[in-house]
Amino acid sequence: MSRIIIKRKIFEIIRAKGGINMAQGNKKLSNKNAKIHDRKEENQPREKR
């Protein structure tokens, strides 16, 4: 139990320091993935035709 609590506290500290940057990075990643996913969905019906 104590290890998990320590890990959580460390993670909270990292979040507090770089939480904004992490959030921006995750947004960029999710946007990239969304764009790639959209392209795949767009290309599939064209290939079927």
C-alpha atoms as a PDB file:
ATOM      1  CA  MET A   1       0.000   0.000   0.000  1.00  0.00           C
ATOM      2  CA  SER A   2       2.746   2.452   0.962  1.00  0.00           C
ATOM      3  CA  ARG A   3       4.411   2.128  -2.465  1.00  0.00           C
ATOM      4  CA  ILE A   4       1.190   2.997  -4.286  1.00  0.00           C
ATOM      5  CA  ILE A   5       0.667   6.058  -2.074  1.00  0.00           C
ATOM      6  CA  ILE A   6       4.250   7.239  -2.731  1.00  0.00           C
ATOM      7  CA  LYS A   7       3.817   6.792  -6.480  1.00  0.00           C
ATOM      8  CA  ARG A   8       0.576   8.769  -6.366  1.00  0.00           C
ATOM      9  CA  LYS A   9       2.220  11.621  -4.462  1.00  0.00           C
ATOM     10  CA  ILE A  10       5.137  11.749  -6.927  1.00  0.00           C
ATOM     11  CA  PHE A  11       2.670  11.750  -9.818  1.00  0.00           C
ATOM     12  CA  GLU A  12       0.684  14.580  -8.200  1.00  0.00           C
ATOM     13  CA  ILE A  13       3.883  16.647  -7.826  1.00  0.00           C
ATOM     14  CA  ILE A  14       4.818  16.036 -11.492  1.00  0.00           C
ATOM     15  CA  ARG A  15       1.280  16.990 -12.500  1.00  0.00           C
ATOM     16  CA  ALA A  16       1.442  20.201 -10.496  1.00  0.00           C
ATOM     17  CA  LYS A  17       4.749  21.196 -12.142  1.00  0.00           C
ATOM     18  CA  GLY A  18       4.092  20.116 -15.721  1.00  0.00           C
ATOM     19  CA  GLY A  19       0.366  19.461 -15.777  1.00  0.00           C
ATOM     20  CA  ILE A  20      -0.383  22.254 -18.257  1.00  0.00           C
ATOM     21  CA  ASN A  21       2.313  21.046 -20.675  1.00  0.00           C
ATOM     22  CA  MET A  22       1.161  17.442 -20.337  1.00  0.00           C
ATOM     23  CA  ALA A  23      -2.430  18.444 -21.027  1.00  0.00           C
ATOM     24  CA  GLN A  24      -1.377  20.390 -24.154  1.00  0.00           C
ATOM     25  CA  GLY A  25       0.710  17.437 -25.340  1.00  0.00           C
ATOM     26  CA  ASN A  26      -2.188  15.037 -24.820  1.00  0.00           C
ATOM     27  CA  LYS A  27      -4.508  17.371 -26.739  1.00  0.00           C
ATOM     28  CA  LYS A  28      -2.050  17.506 -29.651  1.00  0.00           C
ATOM     29  CA  LEU A  29      -1.719  13.714 -29.633  1.00  0.00           C
ATOM     30  CA  SER A  30      -5.469  13.158 -29.488  1.00  0.00           C
ATOM     31  CA  ASN A  31      -5.988  15.666 -32.324  1.00  0.00           C
ATOM     32  CA  LYS A  32      -3.391  13.868 -34.464  1.00  0.00           C
ATOM     33  CA  ASN A  33      -5.025  10.515 -33.755  1.00  0.00           C
ATOM     34  CA  ALA A  34      -8.463  11.939 -34.497  1.00  0.00           C
ATOM     35  CA  LYS A  35      -7.266  13.395 -37.817  1.00  0.00           C
ATOM     36  CA  ILE A  36      -5.627  10.107 -38.832  1.00  0.00           C
ATOM     37  CA  HIS A  37      -8.787   8.234 -37.805  1.00  0.00           C
ATOM     38  CA  ASP A  38     -10.993  10.613 -39.811  1.00  0.00           C
ATOM     39  CA  ARG A  39      -8.801  10.201 -42.889  1.00  0.00           C
ATOM     40  CA  LYS A  40      -8.990   6.421 -42.594  1.00  0.00           C
ATOM     41  CA  GLU A  41     -12.787   6.585 -42.366  1.00  0.00           C
ATOM     42  CA  GLU A  42     -12.926   8.952 -45.358  1.00  0.00           C
ATOM     43  CA  ASN A  43     -10.665   6.743 -47.467  1.00  0.00           C
ATOM     44  CA  GLN A  44     -12.513   3.491 -46.794  1.00  0.00           C
ATOM     45  CA  PRO A  45     -15.718   4.254 -48.745  1.00  0.00           C
ATOM     46  CA  ARG A  46     -13.661   5.582 -51.677  1.00  0.00           C
ATOM     47  CA  GLU A  47     -11.710   2.322 -51.800  1.00  0.00           C
ATOM     48  CA  LYS A  48     -14.938   0.299 -51.690  1.00  0.00           C
ATOM     49  CA  ARG A  49     -16.354   2.233 -54.647  1.00  0.00           C
END
